[in-house]
């Protein structure tokens, strides 16, 4: 959709959702039987290309790739197979199935598939902690205030939208018990086949973080599936805190998305999420 890795980057850089920024392009074959390279996502920090059944991830910051490879090895849920790594390129095998959905588009996945995603999140959160700490509450609050000021000063969003969502976001700024979080568990990163999870991709933001941040990221823009996810998660959660993370993540996302060529005002995306809190 992101320099230390982990949830601190997922919220400070507001990672780009994995929507194509360029159409597929056909290029001369560079290896046997390869005729097409698909640009999955690309900006000045990183790019992901699909070549047949192989994904090539190129990252300017190899510490993120270090985290991704180690996190996938530690995670108790399915992840892509690492085929090879030759910095700055990491080659991963494609996962079977399709993404749970996309931000701004209706999800065709079943309620059972969403529940399975919740169950996978719970399994991850119950696993031993990874070595990467997340951002402190003070750092997060300071960055949030800075982004809110930028949004208002530059006229990007109406003051009442920013003020209301900053108030809602306050509920997320409380102490939590750290768990193994994916850090960017957006629905495009969760792959399903019928009602089963076949794998979770993009682990470079993994860290010790708030479990409800992962659940909020998974359901951002798809509030209608929050009940399914919580049912699959299998324990009571504070829904107000999840809604607070929706506001917080969206407030932090807008500037990053604009500066990296994405449109947060597309229907169903971050700006709509923020306006829905009014």
C-alpha atoms as a PDB file:
ATOM      1  CA  UNK A   1       0.000   0.000   0.000  1.00  0.00           C
ATOM      2  CA  UNK A   2       5.880   1.927   4.706  1.00  0.00           C
ATOM      3  CA  UNK A   3      13.704   3.376   8.831  1.00  0.00           C
ATOM      4  CA  UNK A   4      12.439   0.894  11.257  1.00  0.00           C
ATOM      5  CA  UNK A   5       9.868  -1.708  10.499  1.00  0.00           C
ATOM      6  CA  UNK A   6       6.595  -2.553  12.125  1.00  0.00           C
ATOM      7  CA  UNK A   7       3.276  -1.016  13.059  1.00  0.00           C
ATOM      8  CA  UNK A   8       5.067   2.297  13.556  1.00  0.00           C
ATOM      9  CA  UNK A   9       5.554   2.433   9.786  1.00  0.00           C
ATOM     10  CA  UNK A  10       2.116   1.140   8.920  1.00  0.00           C
ATOM     11  CA  UNK A  11       0.567   4.050  10.769  1.00  0.00           C
ATOM     12  CA  UNK A  12       3.240   6.699  10.167  1.00  0.00           C
ATOM     13  CA  UNK A  13       3.475   6.132   6.442  1.00  0.00           C
ATOM     14  CA  UNK A  14      -0.118   4.882   6.082  1.00  0.00           C
ATOM     15  CA  UNK A  15       0.829   2.170   3.676  1.00  0.00           C
ATOM     16  CA  UNK A  16      -0.613   2.248   0.183  1.00  0.00           C
ATOM     17  CA  UNK A  17      -3.367  -0.205  -0.569  1.00  0.00           C
ATOM     18  CA  UNK A  18      -2.285  -2.628  -3.250  1.00  0.00           C
ATOM     19  CA  UNK A  19      -4.297  -1.288  -6.155  1.00  0.00           C
ATOM     20  CA  UNK A  20      -2.505  -1.162  -9.508  1.00  0.00           C
ATOM     21  CA  UNK A  21      -1.002   2.189 -10.366  1.00  0.00           C
ATOM     22  CA  UNK A  22      -0.322   1.136 -13.927  1.00  0.00           C
ATOM     23  CA  UNK A  23      -1.990  -1.266 -16.285  1.00  0.00           C
ATOM     24  CA  UNK A  24      -0.319  -4.518 -17.247  1.00  0.00           C
ATOM     25  CA  UNK A  25       2.353  -3.966 -19.854  1.00  0.00           C
ATOM     26  CA  UNK A  26       3.623  -6.479 -22.344  1.00  0.00           C
ATOM     27  CA  UNK A  27       7.381  -6.401 -22.742  1.00  0.00           C
ATOM     28  CA  UNK A  28       9.869  -8.506 -24.707  1.00  0.00           C
ATOM     29  CA  UNK A  29      10.505 -11.808 -22.995  1.00  0.00           C
ATOM     30  CA  UNK A  30      13.391 -11.619 -20.553  1.00  0.00           C
ATOM     31  CA  UNK A  31      13.256 -15.284 -19.626  1.00  0.00           C
ATOM     32  CA  UNK A  32      11.912 -18.415 -21.205  1.00  0.00           C
ATOM     33  CA  UNK A  33       8.132 -18.480 -21.554  1.00  0.00           C
ATOM     34  CA  UNK A  34       7.711 -15.046 -19.943  1.00  0.00           C
ATOM     35  CA  UNK A  35       5.828 -12.590 -22.110  1.00  0.00           C
ATOM     36  CA  UNK A  36       4.020 -10.328 -19.683  1.00  0.00           C
ATOM     37  CA  UNK A  37       5.028  -8.388 -16.599  1.00  0.00           C
ATOM     38  CA  UNK A  38       2.252  -6.919 -14.476  1.00  0.00           C
ATOM     39  CA  UNK A  39       2.983  -3.853 -12.373  1.00  0.00           C
ATOM     40  CA  UNK A  40       1.076  -4.596  -9.168  1.00  0.00           C
ATOM     41  CA  UNK A  41       2.120  -1.485  -7.234  1.00  0.00           C
ATOM     42  CA  UNK A  42       4.896   1.031  -7.760  1.00  0.00           C
ATOM     43  CA  UNK A  43       6.086   4.254  -6.138  1.00  0.00           C
ATOM     44  CA  UNK A  44       9.432   5.760  -5.190  1.00  0.00           C
ATOM     45  CA  UNK A  45       9.892   3.533  -2.131  1.00  0.00           C
ATOM     46  CA  UNK A  46       9.055   0.132  -3.561  1.00  0.00           C
ATOM     47  CA  UNK A  47       7.586  -1.790  -6.464  1.00  0.00           C
ATOM     48  CA  UNK A  48       5.970  -5.187  -6.885  1.00  0.00           C
ATOM     49  CA  UNK A  49       5.863  -6.951 -10.234  1.00  0.00           C
ATOM     50  CA  UNK A  50       4.153 -10.183 -11.209  1.00  0.00           C
ATOM     51  CA  UNK A  51       5.929 -12.417 -13.704  1.00  0.00           C
ATOM     52  CA  UNK A  52       3.853 -15.512 -14.279  1.00  0.00           C
ATOM     53  CA  UNK A  53       3.399 -17.183 -10.907  1.00  0.00           C
ATOM     54  CA  UNK A  54       6.237 -15.235  -9.302  1.00  0.00           C
ATOM     55  CA  UNK A  55       6.031 -11.896  -7.508  1.00  0.00           C
ATOM     56  CA  UNK A  56       9.158  -9.743  -7.539  1.00  0.00           C
ATOM     57  CA  UNK A  57       9.326  -7.201  -4.733  1.00  0.00           C
ATOM     58  CA  UNK A  58      11.886  -4.407  -5.064  1.00  0.00           C
ATOM     59  CA  UNK A  59      12.385  -2.286  -1.958  1.00  0.00           C
ATOM     60  CA  UNK A  60      14.706   0.668  -1.483  1.00  0.00           C
ATOM     61  CA  UNK A  61      14.977  -0.162   2.217  1.00  0.00           C
ATOM     62  CA  UNK A  62      16.228  -3.692   2.718  1.00  0.00           C
ATOM     63  CA  UNK A  63      15.474  -3.586   6.447  1.00  0.00           C
ATOM     64  CA  UNK A  64      11.819  -3.885   5.473  1.00  0.00           C
ATOM     65  CA  UNK A  65      12.631  -6.949   3.402  1.00  0.00           C
ATOM     66  CA  UNK A  66      14.608  -8.405   6.316  1.00  0.00           C
ATOM     67  CA  UNK A  67      11.524  -8.031   8.504  1.00  0.00           C
ATOM     68  CA  UNK A  68       9.249  -9.519   5.864  1.00  0.00           C
ATOM     69  CA  UNK A  69      11.348 -12.651   5.391  1.00  0.00           C
ATOM     70  CA  UNK A  70      11.799 -13.235   9.125  1.00  0.00           C
ATOM     71  CA  UNK A  71       8.151 -12.502   9.945  1.00  0.00           C
ATOM     72  CA  UNK A  72       6.911 -14.986   7.345  1.00  0.00           C
ATOM     73  CA  UNK A  73       9.190 -17.629   8.843  1.00  0.00           C
ATOM     74  CA  UNK A  74       7.805 -16.903  12.328  1.00  0.00           C
ATOM     75  CA  UNK A  75       4.120 -16.594  11.457  1.00  0.00           C
ATOM     76  CA  UNK A  76       1.872 -19.554  12.365  1.00  0.00           C
ATOM     77  CA  UNK A  77      -0.421 -18.908   9.393  1.00  0.00           C
ATOM     78  CA  UNK A  78       0.156 -19.571   5.660  1.00  0.00           C
ATOM     79  CA  UNK A  79       2.511 -17.184   3.864  1.00  0.00           C
ATOM     80  CA  UNK A  80       4.062 -17.101   0.381  1.00  0.00           C
ATOM     81  CA  UNK A  81       7.043 -19.324  -0.323  1.00  0.00           C
ATOM     82  CA  UNK A  82      10.318 -17.407  -0.616  1.00  0.00           C
ATOM     83  CA  UNK A  83      11.823 -18.550  -3.914  1.00  0.00           C
ATOM     84  CA  UNK A  84      14.993 -16.499  -3.780  1.00  0.00           C
ATOM     85  CA  UNK A  85      16.407 -13.209  -2.617  1.00  0.00           C
ATOM     86  CA  UNK A  86      18.979 -11.099  -4.389  1.00  0.00           C
ATOM     87  CA  UNK A  87      18.891  -7.566  -2.943  1.00  0.00           C
ATOM     88  CA  UNK A  88      17.043  -5.425  -3.694  1.00  0.00           C
ATOM     89  CA  UNK A  89      14.754  -8.116  -5.155  1.00  0.00           C
ATOM     90  CA  UNK A  90      12.728 -10.691  -3.210  1.00  0.00           C
ATOM     91  CA  UNK A  91      10.994 -13.397  -5.250  1.00  0.00           C
ATOM     92  CA  UNK A  92       7.840 -14.953  -3.797  1.00  0.00           C
ATOM     93  CA  UNK A  93       5.557 -17.663  -5.137  1.00  0.00           C
ATOM     94  CA  UNK A  94       2.013 -16.594  -5.915  1.00  0.00           C
ATOM     95  CA  UNK A  95      -0.645 -17.762  -3.478  1.00  0.00           C
ATOM     96  CA  UNK A  96      -3.645 -19.794  -4.643  1.00  0.00           C
ATOM     97  CA  UNK A  97      -7.050 -18.179  -4.456  1.00  0.00           C
ATOM     98  CA  UNK A  98      -7.954 -14.506  -4.589  1.00  0.00           C
ATOM     99  CA  UNK A  99      -7.743 -11.522  -2.282  1.00  0.00           C
ATOM    100  CA  UNK A 100     -10.514 -11.140   0.278  1.00  0.00           C
ATOM    101  CA  UNK A 101     -11.434  -7.899  -1.477  1.00  0.00           C
ATOM    102  CA  UNK A 102     -10.322  -4.344  -2.210  1.00  0.00           C
ATOM    103  CA  UNK A 103     -10.881  -1.069  -0.466  1.00  0.00           C
ATOM    104  CA  UNK A 104     -13.601   0.877  -2.249  1.00  0.00           C
ATOM    105  CA  UNK A 105     -15.147  -2.200  -3.861  1.00  0.00           C
ATOM    106  CA  UNK A 106     -17.764  -4.662  -2.576  1.00  0.00           C
ATOM    107  CA  UNK A 107     -16.231  -7.928  -1.378  1.00  0.00           C
ATOM    108  CA  UNK A 108     -17.598 -11.055  -3.030  1.00  0.00           C
ATOM    109  CA  UNK A 109     -16.015 -13.253  -0.341  1.00  0.00           C
ATOM    110  CA  UNK A 110     -18.419 -15.172   1.870  1.00  0.00           C
ATOM    111  CA  UNK A 111     -19.095 -14.466   5.527  1.00  0.00           C
ATOM    112  CA  UNK A 112     -17.267 -17.723   6.275  1.00  0.00           C
ATOM    113  CA  UNK A 113     -14.177 -16.456   4.447  1.00  0.00           C
ATOM    114  CA  UNK A 114     -14.210 -13.247   6.495  1.00  0.00           C
ATOM    115  CA  UNK A 115     -14.597 -15.302   9.662  1.00  0.00           C
ATOM    116  CA  UNK A 116     -11.639 -17.421   8.580  1.00  0.00           C
ATOM    117  CA  UNK A 117      -9.607 -14.224   8.242  1.00  0.00           C
ATOM    118  CA  UNK A 118     -10.558 -13.330  11.807  1.00  0.00           C
ATOM    119  CA  UNK A 119      -9.496 -16.789  12.988  1.00  0.00           C
ATOM    120  CA  UNK A 120      -6.140 -16.418  11.204  1.00  0.00           C
ATOM    121  CA  UNK A 121      -5.598 -13.054  12.898  1.00  0.00           C
ATOM    122  CA  UNK A 122      -6.287 -14.645  16.285  1.00  0.00           C
ATOM    123  CA  UNK A 123      -3.776 -17.419  15.580  1.00  0.00           C
ATOM    124  CA  UNK A 124      -1.161 -14.820  14.691  1.00  0.00           C
ATOM    125  CA  UNK A 125      -1.898 -12.720  17.760  1.00  0.00           C
ATOM    126  CA  UNK A 126      -1.534 -15.779  20.002  1.00  0.00           C
ATOM    127  CA  UNK A 127       1.936 -16.547  18.623  1.00  0.00           C
ATOM    128  CA  UNK A 128       5.194 -15.562  20.381  1.00  0.00           C
ATOM    129  CA  UNK A 129       6.122 -11.890  20.003  1.00  0.00           C
ATOM    130  CA  UNK A 130       8.386 -10.834  17.137  1.00  0.00           C
ATOM    131  CA  UNK A 131      11.516  -8.807  17.971  1.00  0.00           C
ATOM    132  CA  UNK A 132      10.323  -5.523  16.428  1.00  0.00           C
ATOM    133  CA  UNK A 133       8.656  -3.014  18.793  1.00  0.00           C
ATOM    134  CA  UNK A 134       5.899  -0.727  17.617  1.00  0.00           C
ATOM    135  CA  UNK A 135       5.671   3.025  17.958  1.00  0.00           C
ATOM    136  CA  UNK A 136       4.972   4.473  21.396  1.00  0.00           C
ATOM    137  CA  UNK A 137       1.653   6.105  22.222  1.00  0.00           C
ATOM    138  CA  UNK A 138       3.337   9.497  22.574  1.00  0.00           C
ATOM    139  CA  UNK A 139       4.952   9.213  19.143  1.00  0.00           C
ATOM    140  CA  UNK A 140       1.712   8.082  17.570  1.00  0.00           C
ATOM    141  CA  UNK A 141      -0.327  10.887  19.157  1.00  0.00           C
ATOM    142  CA  UNK A 142       2.241  13.487  18.112  1.00  0.00           C
ATOM    143  CA  UNK A 143       2.259  12.270  14.522  1.00  0.00           C
ATOM    144  CA  UNK A 144      -1.536  12.151  14.428  1.00  0.00           C
ATOM    145  CA  UNK A 145      -1.779  15.754  15.620  1.00  0.00           C
ATOM    146  CA  UNK A 146       0.728  16.809  12.973  1.00  0.00           C
ATOM    147  CA  UNK A 147      -1.216  15.114  10.193  1.00  0.00           C
ATOM    148  CA  UNK A 148      -4.503  16.616  11.382  1.00  0.00           C
ATOM    149  CA  UNK A 149      -2.934  20.073  11.322  1.00  0.00           C
ATOM    150  CA  UNK A 150      -1.634  19.475   7.794  1.00  0.00           C
ATOM    151  CA  UNK A 151      -5.031  18.304   6.550  1.00  0.00           C
ATOM    152  CA  UNK A 152      -6.754  21.432   7.878  1.00  0.00           C
ATOM    153  CA  UNK A 153      -4.029  23.958   7.010  1.00  0.00           C
ATOM    154  CA  UNK A 154      -3.862  22.772   3.415  1.00  0.00           C
ATOM    155  CA  UNK A 155      -7.620  22.548   3.001  1.00  0.00           C
ATOM    156  CA  UNK A 156      -7.462  18.850   2.157  1.00  0.00           C
ATOM    157  CA  UNK A 157     -10.404  17.993   4.401  1.00  0.00           C
ATOM    158  CA  UNK A 158     -13.039  20.134   6.132  1.00  0.00           C
ATOM    159  CA  UNK A 159     -12.168  21.103   9.690  1.00  0.00           C
ATOM    160  CA  UNK A 160     -15.249  19.392  11.117  1.00  0.00           C
ATOM    161  CA  UNK A 161     -14.306  16.072   9.494  1.00  0.00           C
ATOM    162  CA  UNK A 162     -10.773  16.226  10.881  1.00  0.00           C
ATOM    163  CA  UNK A 163     -11.878  17.393  14.329  1.00  0.00           C
ATOM    164  CA  UNK A 164     -14.546  14.720  14.674  1.00  0.00           C
ATOM    165  CA  UNK A 165     -12.240  11.908  13.581  1.00  0.00           C
ATOM    166  CA  UNK A 166      -9.398  13.123  15.785  1.00  0.00           C
ATOM    167  CA  UNK A 167     -11.833  12.885  18.688  1.00  0.00           C
ATOM    168  CA  UNK A 168     -12.909   9.368  17.658  1.00  0.00           C
ATOM    169  CA  UNK A 169      -9.271   8.299  17.189  1.00  0.00           C
ATOM    170  CA  UNK A 170      -8.502   9.151  20.811  1.00  0.00           C
ATOM    171  CA  UNK A 171     -10.035   5.835  21.904  1.00  0.00           C
ATOM    172  CA  UNK A 172      -7.228   3.947  20.143  1.00  0.00           C
ATOM    173  CA  UNK A 173      -4.549   5.885  22.033  1.00  0.00           C
ATOM    174  CA  UNK A 174      -4.602   3.753  25.140  1.00  0.00           C
ATOM    175  CA  UNK A 175      -2.217   1.139  26.564  1.00  0.00           C
ATOM    176  CA  UNK A 176      -2.517  -2.308  24.997  1.00  0.00           C
ATOM    177  CA  UNK A 177      -0.932  -5.691  25.541  1.00  0.00           C
ATOM    178  CA  UNK A 178       1.487  -6.184  22.618  1.00  0.00           C
ATOM    179  CA  UNK A 179       0.879  -9.139  20.308  1.00  0.00           C
ATOM    180  CA  UNK A 180       2.430 -10.379  17.072  1.00  0.00           C
ATOM    181  CA  UNK A 181       0.719  -8.073  14.568  1.00  0.00           C
ATOM    182  CA  UNK A 182       0.932  -8.174  10.792  1.00  0.00           C
ATOM    183  CA  UNK A 183       0.915  -4.379  10.820  1.00  0.00           C
ATOM    184  CA  UNK A 184      -0.781  -3.957   7.430  1.00  0.00           C
ATOM    185  CA  UNK A 185      -3.525  -6.585   7.393  1.00  0.00           C
ATOM    186  CA  UNK A 186      -5.595  -4.932   4.690  1.00  0.00           C
ATOM    187  CA  UNK A 187      -8.007  -7.193   2.884  1.00  0.00           C
ATOM    188  CA  UNK A 188      -5.929  -7.213  -0.313  1.00  0.00           C
ATOM    189  CA  UNK A 189      -3.189  -8.966   1.662  1.00  0.00           C
ATOM    190  CA  UNK A 190      -5.405 -11.876   2.743  1.00  0.00           C
ATOM    191  CA  UNK A 191      -5.969 -14.613   0.152  1.00  0.00           C
ATOM    192  CA  UNK A 192      -8.856 -17.055   0.257  1.00  0.00           C
ATOM    193  CA  UNK A 193     -10.032 -20.044  -1.730  1.00  0.00           C
ATOM    194  CA  UNK A 194     -13.752 -20.600  -1.163  1.00  0.00           C
ATOM    195  CA  UNK A 195     -13.932 -20.258   2.638  1.00  0.00           C
ATOM    196  CA  UNK A 196     -10.329 -21.034   3.584  1.00  0.00           C
ATOM    197  CA  UNK A 197      -7.326 -18.767   4.036  1.00  0.00           C
ATOM    198  CA  UNK A 198      -4.580 -19.737   1.597  1.00  0.00           C
ATOM    199  CA  UNK A 199      -2.070 -17.162   2.780  1.00  0.00           C
ATOM    200  CA  UNK A 200      -1.265 -13.642   3.915  1.00  0.00           C
ATOM    201  CA  UNK A 201       1.214 -11.430   2.068  1.00  0.00           C
ATOM    202  CA  UNK A 202       3.253  -8.258   2.694  1.00  0.00           C
ATOM    203  CA  UNK A 203       4.800  -8.725   6.132  1.00  0.00           C
ATOM    204  CA  UNK A 204       7.280  -5.842   6.138  1.00  0.00           C
ATOM    205  CA  UNK A 205       5.300  -3.957   8.807  1.00  0.00           C
ATOM    206  CA  UNK A 206       5.113  -6.860  11.265  1.00  0.00           C
ATOM    207  CA  UNK A 207       5.804  -5.878  14.861  1.00  0.00           C
ATOM    208  CA  UNK A 208       4.667  -5.965  18.455  1.00  0.00           C
ATOM    209  CA  UNK A 209       1.428  -4.019  18.312  1.00  0.00           C
ATOM    210  CA  UNK A 210      -2.237  -3.701  19.140  1.00  0.00           C
ATOM    211  CA  UNK A 211      -4.361  -6.666  18.070  1.00  0.00           C
ATOM    212  CA  UNK A 212      -7.282  -4.336  17.345  1.00  0.00           C
ATOM    213  CA  UNK A 213      -5.163  -2.377  14.866  1.00  0.00           C
ATOM    214  CA  UNK A 214      -4.918  -5.508  12.706  1.00  0.00           C
ATOM    215  CA  UNK A 215      -8.671  -6.136  12.947  1.00  0.00           C
ATOM    216  CA  UNK A 216      -9.392  -2.508  12.087  1.00  0.00           C
ATOM    217  CA  UNK A 217      -7.057  -2.587   9.102  1.00  0.00           C
ATOM    218  CA  UNK A 218      -8.706  -5.775   7.854  1.00  0.00           C
ATOM    219  CA  UNK A 219     -12.214  -4.287   8.032  1.00  0.00           C
ATOM    220  CA  UNK A 220     -11.471  -0.693   6.997  1.00  0.00           C
ATOM    221  CA  UNK A 221     -14.158   0.368   4.540  1.00  0.00           C
ATOM    222  CA  UNK A 222     -15.981  -2.942   5.032  1.00  0.00           C
ATOM    223  CA  UNK A 223     -17.795  -2.390   8.300  1.00  0.00           C
ATOM    224  CA  UNK A 224     -20.504  -4.796   7.178  1.00  0.00           C
ATOM    225  CA  UNK A 225     -18.035  -7.671   7.699  1.00  0.00           C
ATOM    226  CA  UNK A 226     -16.790  -6.614  11.129  1.00  0.00           C
ATOM    227  CA  UNK A 227     -19.202  -9.032  12.823  1.00  0.00           C
ATOM    228  CA  UNK A 228     -17.907 -11.921  10.701  1.00  0.00           C
ATOM    229  CA  UNK A 229     -14.291 -11.117  11.544  1.00  0.00           C
ATOM    230  CA  UNK A 230     -14.993 -10.789  15.266  1.00  0.00           C
ATOM    231  CA  UNK A 231     -16.925 -14.070  15.237  1.00  0.00           C
ATOM    232  CA  UNK A 232     -13.960 -15.810  13.649  1.00  0.00           C
ATOM    233  CA  UNK A 233     -11.560 -14.098  16.042  1.00  0.00           C
ATOM    234  CA  UNK A 234     -13.376 -15.874  18.831  1.00  0.00           C
ATOM    235  CA  UNK A 235     -13.174 -13.421  21.707  1.00  0.00           C
ATOM    236  CA  UNK A 236     -14.809 -10.190  22.754  1.00  0.00           C
ATOM    237  CA  UNK A 237     -13.218  -7.051  21.324  1.00  0.00           C
ATOM    238  CA  UNK A 238     -13.850  -3.366  21.915  1.00  0.00           C
ATOM    239  CA  UNK A 239     -15.663  -2.241  18.775  1.00  0.00           C
ATOM    240  CA  UNK A 240     -15.221   1.428  19.695  1.00  0.00           C
ATOM    241  CA  UNK A 241     -11.454   0.959  19.618  1.00  0.00           C
ATOM    242  CA  UNK A 242     -11.651  -0.699  16.199  1.00  0.00           C
ATOM    243  CA  UNK A 243     -13.681   2.254  14.929  1.00  0.00           C
ATOM    244  CA  UNK A 244     -11.106   4.576  16.497  1.00  0.00           C
ATOM    245  CA  UNK A 245      -8.344   2.827  14.537  1.00  0.00           C
ATOM    246  CA  UNK A 246     -10.388   3.305  11.344  1.00  0.00           C
ATOM    247  CA  UNK A 247     -10.336   7.046  11.950  1.00  0.00           C
ATOM    248  CA  UNK A 248      -6.717   7.130  13.058  1.00  0.00           C
ATOM    249  CA  UNK A 249      -5.392   5.072  10.144  1.00  0.00           C
ATOM    250  CA  UNK A 250      -7.414   7.077   7.630  1.00  0.00           C
ATOM    251  CA  UNK A 251      -6.245  10.427   9.016  1.00  0.00           C
ATOM    252  CA  UNK A 252      -2.645   9.297   8.733  1.00  0.00           C
ATOM    253  CA  UNK A 253      -3.204   7.799   5.290  1.00  0.00           C
ATOM    254  CA  UNK A 254      -4.421  10.784   3.314  1.00  0.00           C
ATOM    255  CA  UNK A 255      -1.202  12.734   2.853  1.00  0.00           C
ATOM    256  CA  UNK A 256       0.896   9.640   2.147  1.00  0.00           C
ATOM    257  CA  UNK A 257      -1.544   8.367  -0.437  1.00  0.00           C
ATOM    258  CA  UNK A 258      -1.766  11.729  -2.207  1.00  0.00           C
ATOM    259  CA  UNK A 259       2.024  12.123  -2.292  1.00  0.00           C
ATOM    260  CA  UNK A 260       2.445   8.614  -3.720  1.00  0.00           C
ATOM    261  CA  UNK A 261      -0.094   8.921  -6.513  1.00  0.00           C
ATOM    262  CA  UNK A 262      -3.121   7.281  -4.906  1.00  0.00           C
ATOM    263  CA  UNK A 263      -6.561   8.837  -4.487  1.00  0.00           C
ATOM    264  CA  UNK A 264      -7.922   8.591  -0.922  1.00  0.00           C
ATOM    265  CA  UNK A 265     -11.138  10.308  -2.060  1.00  0.00           C
ATOM    266  CA  UNK A 266     -12.152   7.419  -4.329  1.00  0.00           C
ATOM    267  CA  UNK A 267     -15.567   6.010  -3.402  1.00  0.00           C
ATOM    268  CA  UNK A 268     -15.418   3.834  -0.296  1.00  0.00           C
ATOM    269  CA  UNK A 269     -11.828   4.754   0.529  1.00  0.00           C
ATOM    270  CA  UNK A 270     -10.222   6.752   3.349  1.00  0.00           C
ATOM    271  CA  UNK A 271     -12.030  10.058   2.878  1.00  0.00           C
ATOM    272  CA  UNK A 272     -15.398   8.291   2.789  1.00  0.00           C
ATOM    273  CA  UNK A 273     -14.413   6.386   5.927  1.00  0.00           C
ATOM    274  CA  UNK A 274     -13.670   9.693   7.651  1.00  0.00           C
ATOM    275  CA  UNK A 275     -16.888  11.345   6.467  1.00  0.00           C
ATOM    276  CA  UNK A 276     -18.919   8.379   7.688  1.00  0.00           C
ATOM    277  CA  UNK A 277     -17.937   9.230  11.262  1.00  0.00           C
ATOM    278  CA  UNK A 278     -19.932  12.491  11.144  1.00  0.00           C
END
